[in-house]
Amino acid sequence: MAKQHIDQDSVFEGVCNLFPNLSDEEKAKMRASFSCMFVRKGEIIYKAGDTPNGLICLSKGKAKLFKEGVGGRDQIVRMAKPVGFIGYRALFAQETYSATAQALEDSVICIIDKDALIDILRNNAELSLHILKSVATELGFSTNRTVTLTQKHIRGRLAESLIFLRDTYGYEDDSQTLKVYLSREDLANLSNMTTSNAIRTLSVFADEGVIELDGRRIKILDNTRLERISDLG
């Protein structure tokens, strides 16, 4: 973890927006157990097998969560954006992390101490229901992704991943270039395919005029066709 000045009070206020109806007392308790860290691009936030000691919030930057697969090939199971939580399933299940989280760019993460958080949740039913809803929503998304990665063909899987990146991170100012720059390997790991297949399929999409490639920058030229490819599977 690299050291860099972080305005923790400002960051805390942003994180608090994720917790509806905190009382002043609960907010003070959370602030007392709150810490921030700067994480450089490529650094590991936590590893599979680590034990959670608090709720982690990605306050700034981007991160990927991945599991190591057979033959050293990773599978990206989730992409995170600010401001949002990561690693909460393991925390609430009282288990170790099942995946590894890594920063995709220079990022800021915050940690709310586990004991303080659980104490607040025990006395705030509305907040508990809010977090339960978030966990249920994430579970539904993971279920849909599992179906996508097992039933769609290569073209459909890659198209779905590009749409997912579009919907998660949005566009640059040109309203076409995806606001996230993944390596071809990461795109392959997100789409459950080999890197060579990802490179080949991206080139086909470019030849068809669906996207435009510039290194890691991907510009979506035809959203309608991309969504159709994804739907056809």
C-alpha atoms as a PDB file:
ATOM      1  CA  MET A   1       0.000   0.000   0.000  1.00  0.00           C
ATOM      2  CA  ALA A   2       1.413   3.382  -0.973  1.00  0.00           C
ATOM      3  CA  LYS A   3       1.190   6.447   1.258  1.00  0.00           C
ATOM      4  CA  GLN A   4      -0.632   9.473  -0.095  1.00  0.00           C
ATOM      5  CA  HIS A   5      -2.647  12.233   1.530  1.00  0.00           C
ATOM      6  CA  ILE A   6      -6.352  11.405   1.711  1.00  0.00           C
ATOM      7  CA  ASP A   7      -9.048  13.727   2.990  1.00  0.00           C
ATOM      8  CA  GLN A   8     -10.664  11.086   5.197  1.00  0.00           C
ATOM      9  CA  ASP A   9     -13.502  13.361   6.376  1.00  0.00           C
ATOM     10  CA  SER A  10     -14.566  14.014   2.783  1.00  0.00           C
ATOM     11  CA  VAL A  11     -14.249  10.355   1.871  1.00  0.00           C
ATOM     12  CA  PHE A  12     -16.259   9.349   4.935  1.00  0.00           C
ATOM     13  CA  GLU A  13     -19.122  11.638   3.961  1.00  0.00           C
ATOM     14  CA  GLY A  14     -19.206   9.998   0.533  1.00  0.00           C
ATOM     15  CA  VAL A  15     -19.279   6.511   2.051  1.00  0.00           C
ATOM     16  CA  CYS A  16     -22.031   7.532   4.475  1.00  0.00           C
ATOM     17  CA  ASN A  17     -24.295   8.160   1.497  1.00  0.00           C
ATOM     18  CA  LEU A  18     -24.382   4.367   1.083  1.00  0.00           C
ATOM     19  CA  PHE A  19     -25.845   3.989   4.578  1.00  0.00           C
ATOM     20  CA  PRO A  20     -29.384   5.419   4.802  1.00  0.00           C
ATOM     21  CA  ASN A  21     -30.809   6.715   8.075  1.00  0.00           C
ATOM     22  CA  LEU A  22     -27.718   6.582  10.248  1.00  0.00           C
ATOM     23  CA  SER A  23     -28.261   8.328  13.563  1.00  0.00           C
ATOM     24  CA  ASP A  24     -25.701  10.882  14.721  1.00  0.00           C
ATOM     25  CA  GLU A  25     -24.498   8.366  17.313  1.00  0.00           C
ATOM     26  CA  GLU A  26     -24.144   5.588  14.717  1.00  0.00           C
ATOM     27  CA  LYS A  27     -22.349   7.946  12.358  1.00  0.00           C
ATOM     28  CA  ALA A  28     -19.891   8.901  15.088  1.00  0.00           C
ATOM     29  CA  LYS A  29     -19.286   5.250  15.936  1.00  0.00           C
ATOM     30  CA  MET A  30     -18.643   4.433  12.283  1.00  0.00           C
ATOM     31  CA  ARG A  31     -16.304   7.406  11.868  1.00  0.00           C
ATOM     32  CA  ALA A  32     -14.260   6.259  14.864  1.00  0.00           C
ATOM     33  CA  SER A  33     -13.732   2.850  13.236  1.00  0.00           C
ATOM     34  CA  PHE A  34     -13.102   4.201   9.726  1.00  0.00           C
ATOM     35  CA  SER A  35      -9.748   4.220   7.908  1.00  0.00           C
ATOM     36  CA  CYS A  36      -8.573   4.851   4.336  1.00  0.00           C
ATOM     37  CA  MET A  37      -5.673   3.640   2.218  1.00  0.00           C
ATOM     38  CA  PHE A  38      -4.265   4.537  -1.180  1.00  0.00           C
ATOM     39  CA  VAL A  39      -3.729   1.546  -3.475  1.00  0.00           C
ATOM     40  CA  ARG A  40      -1.644   1.795  -6.623  1.00  0.00           C
ATOM     41  CA  LYS A  41      -2.641   0.273  -9.936  1.00  0.00           C
ATOM     42  CA  GLY A  42      -1.934  -3.462  -9.914  1.00  0.00           C
ATOM     43  CA  GLU A  43      -1.692  -3.775  -6.132  1.00  0.00           C
ATOM     44  CA  ILE A  44      -3.686  -6.439  -4.315  1.00  0.00           C
ATOM     45  CA  ILE A  45      -6.427  -5.169  -1.992  1.00  0.00           C
ATOM     46  CA  TYR A  46      -7.022  -8.592  -0.447  1.00  0.00           C
ATOM     47  CA  LYS A  47      -6.243 -12.182  -1.406  1.00  0.00           C
ATOM     48  CA  ALA A  48      -8.414 -15.271  -1.581  1.00  0.00           C
ATOM     49  CA  GLY A  49      -8.066 -17.020   1.774  1.00  0.00           C
ATOM     50  CA  ASP A  50      -7.593 -13.803   3.777  1.00  0.00           C
ATOM     51  CA  THR A  51      -9.927 -13.192   6.707  1.00  0.00           C
ATOM     52  CA  PRO A  52     -12.055 -10.002   6.514  1.00  0.00           C
ATOM     53  CA  ASN A  53     -11.500  -7.585   9.381  1.00  0.00           C
ATOM     54  CA  GLY A  54     -14.008  -5.015   8.161  1.00  0.00           C
ATOM     55  CA  LEU A  55     -16.260  -3.817   5.374  1.00  0.00           C
ATOM     56  CA  ILE A  56     -14.203  -2.538   2.425  1.00  0.00           C
ATOM     57  CA  CYS A  57     -15.479   0.330   0.314  1.00  0.00           C
ATOM     58  CA  LEU A  58     -13.935   1.346  -2.998  1.00  0.00           C
ATOM     59  CA  SER A  59     -14.047   5.137  -2.702  1.00  0.00           C
ATOM     60  CA  LYS A  60     -12.039   6.011  -5.813  1.00  0.00           C
ATOM     61  CA  GLY A  61     -10.712   4.062  -8.791  1.00  0.00           C
ATOM     62  CA  LYS A  62     -11.603   0.667 -10.247  1.00  0.00           C
ATOM     63  CA  ALA A  63     -10.986  -2.902  -9.112  1.00  0.00           C
ATOM     64  CA  LYS A  64     -11.471  -6.456 -10.306  1.00  0.00           C
ATOM     65  CA  LEU A  65     -12.304  -9.510  -8.225  1.00  0.00           C
ATOM     66  CA  PHE A  66     -10.991 -12.762  -9.636  1.00  0.00           C
ATOM     67  CA  LYS A  67     -10.537 -16.421  -8.803  1.00  0.00           C
ATOM     68  CA  GLU A  68      -7.532 -18.429  -9.903  1.00  0.00           C
ATOM     69  CA  GLY A  69      -8.575 -21.223 -12.229  1.00  0.00           C
ATOM     70  CA  VAL A  70      -7.122 -24.398 -13.651  1.00  0.00           C
ATOM     71  CA  GLY A  71      -3.820 -23.990 -15.453  1.00  0.00           C
ATOM     72  CA  GLY A  72      -3.212 -20.552 -13.989  1.00  0.00           C
ATOM     73  CA  ARG A  73      -6.077 -18.952 -15.910  1.00  0.00           C
ATOM     74  CA  ASP A  74      -8.071 -16.471 -13.842  1.00  0.00           C
ATOM     75  CA  GLN A  75     -11.802 -15.866 -13.936  1.00  0.00           C
ATOM     76  CA  ILE A  76     -12.989 -12.334 -13.197  1.00  0.00           C
ATOM     77  CA  VAL A  77     -16.122 -12.667 -11.099  1.00  0.00           C
ATOM     78  CA  ARG A  78     -16.847  -9.011 -10.487  1.00  0.00           C
ATOM     79  CA  MET A  79     -15.815  -5.502 -11.493  1.00  0.00           C
ATOM     80  CA  ALA A  80     -16.089  -2.748  -8.888  1.00  0.00           C
ATOM     81  CA  LYS A  81     -16.573   0.989  -9.231  1.00  0.00           C
ATOM     82  CA  PRO A  82     -16.777   3.815  -6.698  1.00  0.00           C
ATOM     83  CA  VAL A  83     -18.494   4.323  -4.411  1.00  0.00           C
ATOM     84  CA  GLY A  84     -19.270   0.701  -3.607  1.00  0.00           C
ATOM     85  CA  PHE A  85     -18.526  -2.209  -1.298  1.00  0.00           C
ATOM     86  CA  ILE A  86     -16.393  -5.251  -2.065  1.00  0.00           C
ATOM     87  CA  GLY A  87     -15.778  -8.417  -0.108  1.00  0.00           C
ATOM     88  CA  TYR A  88     -18.930  -8.109   1.987  1.00  0.00           C
ATOM     89  CA  ARG A  89     -20.197 -11.634   1.314  1.00  0.00           C
ATOM     90  CA  ALA A  90     -17.237 -13.181   3.118  1.00  0.00           C
ATOM     91  CA  LEU A  91     -17.555 -10.665   5.953  1.00  0.00           C
ATOM     92  CA  PHE A  92     -21.214 -11.390   6.671  1.00  0.00           C
ATOM     93  CA  ALA A  93     -20.829 -15.134   6.062  1.00  0.00           C
ATOM     94  CA  GLN A  94     -17.908 -15.163   8.528  1.00  0.00           C
ATOM     95  CA  GLU A  95     -15.738 -16.852   5.919  1.00  0.00           C
ATOM     96  CA  THR A  96     -12.413 -16.113   4.275  1.00  0.00           C
ATOM     97  CA  TYR A  97     -12.405 -14.298   0.938  1.00  0.00           C
ATOM     98  CA  SER A  98     -13.121 -16.653  -1.961  1.00  0.00           C
ATOM     99  CA  ALA A  99     -11.637 -14.299  -4.572  1.00  0.00           C
ATOM    100  CA  THR A 100      -8.752 -11.846  -4.860  1.00  0.00           C
ATOM    101  CA  ALA A 101      -9.335  -8.106  -5.314  1.00  0.00           C
ATOM    102  CA  GLN A 102      -6.859  -6.048  -7.334  1.00  0.00           C
ATOM    103  CA  ALA A 103      -6.804  -2.351  -8.242  1.00  0.00           C
ATOM    104  CA  LEU A 104      -7.132  -1.668 -11.966  1.00  0.00           C
ATOM    105  CA  GLU A 105      -5.962   1.906 -11.498  1.00  0.00           C
ATOM    106  CA  ASP A 106      -4.750   4.090  -8.631  1.00  0.00           C
ATOM    107  CA  SER A 107      -7.542   3.789  -6.071  1.00  0.00           C
ATOM    108  CA  VAL A 108      -8.648   4.696  -2.561  1.00  0.00           C
ATOM    109  CA  ILE A 109     -10.213   2.060  -0.340  1.00  0.00           C
ATOM    110  CA  CYS A 110     -11.842   2.517   3.050  1.00  0.00           C
ATOM    111  CA  ILE A 111     -12.409  -0.015   5.821  1.00  0.00           C
ATOM    112  CA  ILE A 112     -15.138   0.052   8.463  1.00  0.00           C
ATOM    113  CA  ASP A 113     -14.215  -2.117  11.430  1.00  0.00           C
ATOM    114  CA  LYS A 114     -16.251  -5.317  11.572  1.00  0.00           C
ATOM    115  CA  ASP A 115     -17.245  -5.120  15.237  1.00  0.00           C
ATOM    116  CA  ALA A 116     -18.445  -1.520  14.968  1.00  0.00           C
ATOM    117  CA  LEU A 117     -20.429  -2.285  11.818  1.00  0.00           C
ATOM    118  CA  ILE A 118     -22.119  -5.376  13.284  1.00  0.00           C
ATOM    119  CA  ASP A 119     -23.025  -3.412  16.406  1.00  0.00           C
ATOM    120  CA  ILE A 120     -24.697  -0.739  14.278  1.00  0.00           C
ATOM    121  CA  LEU A 121     -26.556  -3.322  12.181  1.00  0.00           C
ATOM    122  CA  ARG A 122     -27.901  -5.052  15.288  1.00  0.00           C
ATOM    123  CA  ASN A 123     -29.641  -1.837  16.290  1.00  0.00           C
ATOM    124  CA  ASN A 124     -30.666  -0.488  12.877  1.00  0.00           C
ATOM    125  CA  ALA A 125     -33.160  -2.779  11.143  1.00  0.00           C
ATOM    126  CA  GLU A 126     -33.628  -0.481   8.148  1.00  0.00           C
ATOM    127  CA  LEU A 127     -29.913  -0.413   7.454  1.00  0.00           C
ATOM    128  CA  SER A 128     -29.736  -4.210   7.791  1.00  0.00           C
ATOM    129  CA  LEU A 129     -32.538  -4.599   5.247  1.00  0.00           C
ATOM    130  CA  HIS A 130     -30.777  -2.163   2.914  1.00  0.00           C
ATOM    131  CA  ILE A 131     -27.571  -4.222   2.995  1.00  0.00           C
ATOM    132  CA  LEU A 132     -29.558  -7.455   2.618  1.00  0.00           C
ATOM    133  CA  LYS A 133     -31.120  -6.019  -0.532  1.00  0.00           C
ATOM    134  CA  SER A 134     -27.665  -5.155  -1.887  1.00  0.00           C
ATOM    135  CA  VAL A 135     -26.424  -8.691  -1.240  1.00  0.00           C
ATOM    136  CA  ALA A 136     -29.531 -10.185  -2.894  1.00  0.00           C
ATOM    137  CA  THR A 137     -29.114  -7.926  -5.934  1.00  0.00           C
ATOM    138  CA  GLU A 138     -25.475  -8.968  -6.289  1.00  0.00           C
ATOM    139  CA  LEU A 139     -26.474 -12.627  -6.010  1.00  0.00           C
ATOM    140  CA  GLY A 140     -29.003 -12.185  -8.813  1.00  0.00           C
ATOM    141  CA  PHE A 141     -26.396 -10.551 -11.015  1.00  0.00           C
ATOM    142  CA  SER A 142     -23.913 -13.356 -10.340  1.00  0.00           C
ATOM    143  CA  THR A 143     -26.534 -15.951 -11.255  1.00  0.00           C
ATOM    144  CA  ASN A 144     -27.219 -14.238 -14.583  1.00  0.00           C
ATOM    145  CA  ARG A 145     -23.504 -13.982 -15.313  1.00  0.00           C
ATOM    146  CA  THR A 146     -23.082 -17.701 -14.628  1.00  0.00           C
ATOM    147  CA  VAL A 147     -25.753 -18.489 -17.218  1.00  0.00           C
ATOM    148  CA  THR A 148     -24.143 -16.112 -19.697  1.00  0.00           C
ATOM    149  CA  LEU A 149     -20.670 -17.595 -19.322  1.00  0.00           C
ATOM    150  CA  THR A 150     -21.863 -21.196 -19.650  1.00  0.00           C
ATOM    151  CA  GLN A 151     -24.516 -20.959 -22.363  1.00  0.00           C
ATOM    152  CA  LYS A 152     -23.475 -18.209 -24.774  1.00  0.00           C
ATOM    153  CA  HIS A 153     -20.973 -18.719 -27.573  1.00  0.00           C
ATOM    154  CA  ILE A 154     -17.727 -16.738 -27.736  1.00  0.00           C
ATOM    155  CA  ARG A 155     -19.207 -13.802 -29.689  1.00  0.00           C
ATOM    156  CA  GLY A 156     -22.139 -13.512 -27.313  1.00  0.00           C
ATOM    157  CA  ARG A 157     -19.948 -13.707 -24.216  1.00  0.00           C
ATOM    158  CA  LEU A 158     -17.559 -11.012 -25.399  1.00  0.00           C
ATOM    159  CA  ALA A 159     -20.401  -8.746 -26.542  1.00  0.00           C
ATOM    160  CA  GLU A 160     -22.095  -9.177 -23.159  1.00  0.00           C
ATOM    161  CA  SER A 161     -18.852  -8.282 -21.370  1.00  0.00           C
ATOM    162  CA  LEU A 162     -18.444  -5.091 -23.406  1.00  0.00           C
ATOM    163  CA  ILE A 163     -22.041  -4.130 -22.586  1.00  0.00           C
ATOM    164  CA  PHE A 164     -21.384  -4.891 -18.925  1.00  0.00           C
ATOM    165  CA  LEU A 165     -18.313  -2.626 -18.939  1.00  0.00           C
ATOM    166  CA  ARG A 166     -20.336   0.090 -20.681  1.00  0.00           C
ATOM    167  CA  ASP A 167     -23.132  -0.097 -18.130  1.00  0.00           C
ATOM    168  CA  THR A 168     -20.728  -0.278 -15.165  1.00  0.00           C
ATOM    169  CA  TYR A 169     -18.188   2.416 -16.029  1.00  0.00           C
ATOM    170  CA  GLY A 170     -19.819   4.452 -18.784  1.00  0.00           C
ATOM    171  CA  TYR A 171     -18.107   6.394 -21.560  1.00  0.00           C
ATOM    172  CA  GLU A 172     -15.396   8.976 -21.930  1.00  0.00           C
ATOM    173  CA  ASP A 173     -16.423  12.465 -23.064  1.00  0.00           C
ATOM    174  CA  ASP A 174     -16.861  11.272 -26.654  1.00  0.00           C
ATOM    175  CA  SER A 175     -19.835   9.099 -25.545  1.00  0.00           C
ATOM    176  CA  GLN A 176     -18.320   6.088 -27.331  1.00  0.00           C
ATOM    177  CA  THR A 177     -15.025   5.095 -25.684  1.00  0.00           C
ATOM    178  CA  LEU A 178     -15.398   2.799 -22.676  1.00  0.00           C
ATOM    179  CA  LYS A 179     -14.174   4.463 -19.495  1.00  0.00           C
ATOM    180  CA  VAL A 180     -12.136   1.439 -18.453  1.00  0.00           C
ATOM    181  CA  TYR A 181      -9.009   0.070 -20.129  1.00  0.00           C
ATOM    182  CA  LEU A 182      -8.607  -3.665 -19.667  1.00  0.00           C
ATOM    183  CA  SER A 183      -5.839  -5.837 -21.037  1.00  0.00           C
ATOM    184  CA  ARG A 184      -6.848  -8.462 -23.565  1.00  0.00           C
ATOM    185  CA  GLU A 185      -6.165 -11.051 -20.876  1.00  0.00           C
ATOM    186  CA  ASP A 186      -8.570  -9.344 -18.464  1.00  0.00           C
ATOM    187  CA  LEU A 187     -11.248  -9.141 -21.167  1.00  0.00           C
ATOM    188  CA  ALA A 188     -10.772 -12.846 -21.794  1.00  0.00           C
ATOM    189  CA  ASN A 189     -10.964 -13.623 -18.064  1.00  0.00           C
ATOM    190  CA  LEU A 190     -14.137 -11.559 -17.789  1.00  0.00           C
ATOM    191  CA  SER A 191     -15.665 -13.437 -20.729  1.00  0.00           C
ATOM    192  CA  ASN A 192     -14.517 -16.969 -19.843  1.00  0.00           C
ATOM    193  CA  MET A 193     -12.403 -17.501 -22.948  1.00  0.00           C
ATOM    194  CA  THR A 194      -8.772 -17.734 -23.918  1.00  0.00           C
ATOM    195  CA  THR A 195      -6.814 -14.563 -24.588  1.00  0.00           C
ATOM    196  CA  SER A 196      -6.279 -15.590 -28.218  1.00  0.00           C
ATOM    197  CA  ASN A 197     -10.040 -16.000 -28.712  1.00  0.00           C
ATOM    198  CA  ALA A 198     -10.674 -12.600 -27.147  1.00  0.00           C
ATOM    199  CA  ILE A 199      -8.115 -10.940 -29.443  1.00  0.00           C
ATOM    200  CA  ARG A 200      -9.557 -12.693 -32.483  1.00  0.00           C
ATOM    201  CA  THR A 201     -13.171 -11.858 -31.652  1.00  0.00           C
ATOM    202  CA  LEU A 202     -12.377  -8.215 -30.898  1.00  0.00           C
ATOM    203  CA  SER A 203     -10.729  -7.975 -34.319  1.00  0.00           C
ATOM    204  CA  VAL A 204     -13.821  -9.477 -35.959  1.00  0.00           C
ATOM    205  CA  PHE A 205     -16.060  -6.962 -34.151  1.00  0.00           C
ATOM    206  CA  ALA A 206     -13.785  -4.172 -35.388  1.00  0.00           C
ATOM    207  CA  ASP A 207     -13.887  -5.497 -38.965  1.00  0.00           C
ATOM    208  CA  GLU A 208     -17.690  -5.587 -38.748  1.00  0.00           C
ATOM    209  CA  GLY A 209     -17.797  -1.955 -37.638  1.00  0.00           C
ATOM    210  CA  VAL A 210     -19.242  -2.745 -34.207  1.00  0.00           C
ATOM    211  CA  ILE A 211     -16.261  -1.380 -32.272  1.00  0.00           C
ATOM    212  CA  GLU A 212     -13.014   0.486 -32.888  1.00  0.00           C
ATOM    213  CA  LEU A 213      -9.760  -0.516 -31.184  1.00  0.00           C
ATOM    214  CA  ASP A 214      -6.882   1.704 -30.085  1.00  0.00           C
ATOM    215  CA  GLY A 215      -4.626  -0.283 -27.784  1.00  0.00           C
ATOM    216  CA  ARG A 216      -6.641  -0.905 -24.621  1.00  0.00           C
ATOM    217  CA  ARG A 217      -9.153   1.762 -25.579  1.00  0.00           C
ATOM    218  CA  ILE A 218     -12.375   0.345 -27.011  1.00  0.00           C
ATOM    219  CA  LYS A 219     -14.886   2.564 -28.763  1.00  0.00           C
ATOM    220  CA  ILE A 220     -18.397   1.198 -29.286  1.00  0.00           C
ATOM    221  CA  LEU A 221     -19.590   2.316 -32.706  1.00  0.00           C
ATOM    222  CA  ASP A 222     -22.849   0.351 -32.950  1.00  0.00           C
ATOM    223  CA  ASN A 223     -24.605  -0.397 -29.655  1.00  0.00           C
ATOM    224  CA  THR A 224     -27.627  -1.915 -31.389  1.00  0.00           C
ATOM    225  CA  ARG A 225     -25.539  -4.546 -33.190  1.00  0.00           C
ATOM    226  CA  LEU A 226     -23.471  -5.239 -30.076  1.00  0.00           C
ATOM    227  CA  GLU A 227     -26.618  -5.858 -28.027  1.00  0.00           C
ATOM    228  CA  ARG A 228     -28.027  -8.068 -30.779  1.00  0.00           C
ATOM    229  CA  ILE A 229     -24.860 -10.195 -30.795  1.00  0.00           C
ATOM    230  CA  SER A 230     -25.156 -10.527 -27.025  1.00  0.00           C
ATOM    231  CA  ASP A 231     -28.856 -11.459 -27.200  1.00  0.00           C
ATOM    232  CA  LEU A 232     -28.283 -14.079 -29.888  1.00  0.00           C
ATOM    233  CA  GLY A 233     -25.613 -15.641 -27.698  1.00  0.00           C
END
